Amino acid sequence: MPLNFAEGCRKRSARERARYFETAACSAREVSAIVDVAHRLKGVGDSERALAKDRCDHLCAMLYRFG
C-alpha cells in the first residue's frame, strides 16, 4: 500500500495518480480482510481487530481524497 501511494505521487497525469491511489486503497481493503481472518482464527483480539479495521478505513478515506 505505501509503495503504490509513493509511486502514484510521482506520476504526472491525474489519471495515472488516481490509478495508483486506487490500487493502494484496494491493498488497504485486503489488509482489512486479512485482519478479519486473523480474528476468526483467534490470532487477533477484538480490540486489535477494531483498531486495525479503523486504520484501514481511515487510510482508504485519505487515499480517495488524493485520487
C-alpha atoms as a PDB file:
ATOM      1  CA  MET A   1       0.000   0.000   0.000  1.00  0.00           C
ATOM      2  CA  PRO A   2       2.638   2.624   0.865  1.00  0.00           C
ATOM      3  CA  LEU A   3       4.677   1.733  -2.203  1.00  0.00           C
ATOM      4  CA  ASN A   4       1.700   2.220  -4.526  1.00  0.00           C
ATOM      5  CA  PHE A   5       0.962   5.545  -2.872  1.00  0.00           C
ATOM      6  CA  ALA A   6       4.564   6.690  -3.208  1.00  0.00           C
ATOM      7  CA  GLU A   7       4.713   5.623  -6.826  1.00  0.00           C
ATOM      8  CA  GLY A   8       1.426   7.384  -7.565  1.00  0.00           C
ATOM      9  CA  CYS A   9       2.756  10.626  -6.103  1.00  0.00           C
ATOM     10  CA  ARG A  10       5.448  10.666  -8.779  1.00  0.00           C
ATOM     11  CA  LYS A  11       3.051  10.285 -11.723  1.00  0.00           C
ATOM     12  CA  ARG A  12       2.436  13.357 -13.832  1.00  0.00           C
ATOM     13  CA  SER A  13      -1.082  12.709 -15.044  1.00  0.00           C
ATOM     14  CA  ALA A  14      -4.058  12.819 -12.693  1.00  0.00           C
ATOM     15  CA  ARG A  15      -5.405   9.645 -14.260  1.00  0.00           C
ATOM     16  CA  GLU A  16      -2.221   7.701 -13.514  1.00  0.00           C
ATOM     17  CA  ARG A  17      -2.071   9.053  -9.953  1.00  0.00           C
ATOM     18  CA  ALA A  18      -5.683   8.064  -9.344  1.00  0.00           C
ATOM     19  CA  ARG A  19      -4.989   4.538 -10.603  1.00  0.00           C
ATOM     20  CA  TYR A  20      -2.102   4.068  -8.165  1.00  0.00           C
ATOM     21  CA  PHE A  21      -4.087   5.544  -5.290  1.00  0.00           C
ATOM     22  CA  GLU A  22      -6.966   3.185  -6.095  1.00  0.00           C
ATOM     23  CA  THR A  23      -4.544   0.255  -6.059  1.00  0.00           C
ATOM     24  CA  ALA A  24      -3.256   1.406  -2.668  1.00  0.00           C
ATOM     25  CA  ALA A  25      -6.843   1.632  -1.352  1.00  0.00           C
ATOM     26  CA  CYS A  26      -7.512  -1.908  -2.612  1.00  0.00           C
ATOM     27  CA  SER A  27      -4.434  -3.052  -0.715  1.00  0.00           C
ATOM     28  CA  ALA A  28      -5.811  -1.441   2.453  1.00  0.00           C
ATOM     29  CA  ARG A  29      -9.070  -3.354   1.962  1.00  0.00           C
ATOM     30  CA  GLU A  30      -7.048  -6.555   1.551  1.00  0.00           C
ATOM     31  CA  VAL A  31      -5.282  -5.873   4.843  1.00  0.00           C
ATOM     32  CA  SER A  32      -8.685  -5.364   6.454  1.00  0.00           C
ATOM     33  CA  ALA A  33      -9.798  -8.773   5.163  1.00  0.00           C
ATOM     34  CA  ILE A  34      -6.605 -10.382   6.465  1.00  0.00           C
ATOM     35  CA  VAL A  35      -7.327  -8.900   9.894  1.00  0.00           C
ATOM     36  CA  ASP A  36     -10.812 -10.475   9.774  1.00  0.00           C
ATOM     37  CA  VAL A  37      -9.297 -13.875   9.003  1.00  0.00           C
ATOM     38  CA  ALA A  38      -6.718 -13.493  11.778  1.00  0.00           C
ATOM     39  CA  HIS A  39      -9.506 -12.551  14.198  1.00  0.00           C
ATOM     40  CA  ARG A  40     -11.572 -15.556  13.170  1.00  0.00           C
ATOM     41  CA  LEU A  41      -8.556 -17.825  13.736  1.00  0.00           C
ATOM     42  CA  LYS A  42      -8.028 -16.237  17.178  1.00  0.00           C
ATOM     43  CA  GLY A  43      -4.717 -14.660  16.180  1.00  0.00           C
ATOM     44  CA  VAL A  44      -6.007 -11.134  16.778  1.00  0.00           C
ATOM     45  CA  GLY A  45      -8.168  -9.963  19.667  1.00  0.00           C
ATOM     46  CA  ASP A  46     -11.314  -7.865  19.455  1.00  0.00           C
ATOM     47  CA  SER A  47      -9.648  -4.558  20.316  1.00  0.00           C
ATOM     48  CA  GLU A  48      -6.732  -5.171  17.946  1.00  0.00           C
ATOM     49  CA  ARG A  49      -9.162  -6.028  15.158  1.00  0.00           C
ATOM     50  CA  ALA A  50     -11.220  -2.895  15.774  1.00  0.00           C
ATOM     51  CA  LEU A  51      -8.122  -0.692  15.742  1.00  0.00           C
ATOM     52  CA  ALA A  52      -6.725  -2.265  12.576  1.00  0.00           C
ATOM     53  CA  LYS A  53     -10.075  -2.018  10.762  1.00  0.00           C
ATOM     54  CA  ASP A  54     -10.414   1.635  11.793  1.00  0.00           C
ATOM     55  CA  ARG A  55      -6.933   2.416  10.480  1.00  0.00           C
ATOM     56  CA  CYS A  56      -7.628   0.659   7.184  1.00  0.00           C
ATOM     57  CA  ASP A  57     -10.865   2.645   6.797  1.00  0.00           C
ATOM     58  CA  HIS A  58      -9.028   5.875   7.598  1.00  0.00           C
ATOM     59  CA  LEU A  59      -6.304   5.109   5.044  1.00  0.00           C
ATOM     60  CA  CYS A  60      -8.895   4.331   2.372  1.00  0.00           C
ATOM     61  CA  ALA A  61     -10.633   7.651   3.035  1.00  0.00           C
ATOM     62  CA  MET A  62      -7.336   9.517   2.768  1.00  0.00           C
ATOM     63  CA  LEU A  63      -6.433   7.746  -0.469  1.00  0.00           C
ATOM     64  CA  TYR A  64      -9.780   8.584  -2.055  1.00  0.00           C
ATOM     65  CA  ARG A  65      -9.215  12.255  -1.252  1.00  0.00           C
ATOM     66  CA  PHE A  66      -5.855  12.122  -3.039  1.00  0.00           C
ATOM     67  CA  GLY A  67      -7.398  10.463  -6.098  1.00  0.00           C
END
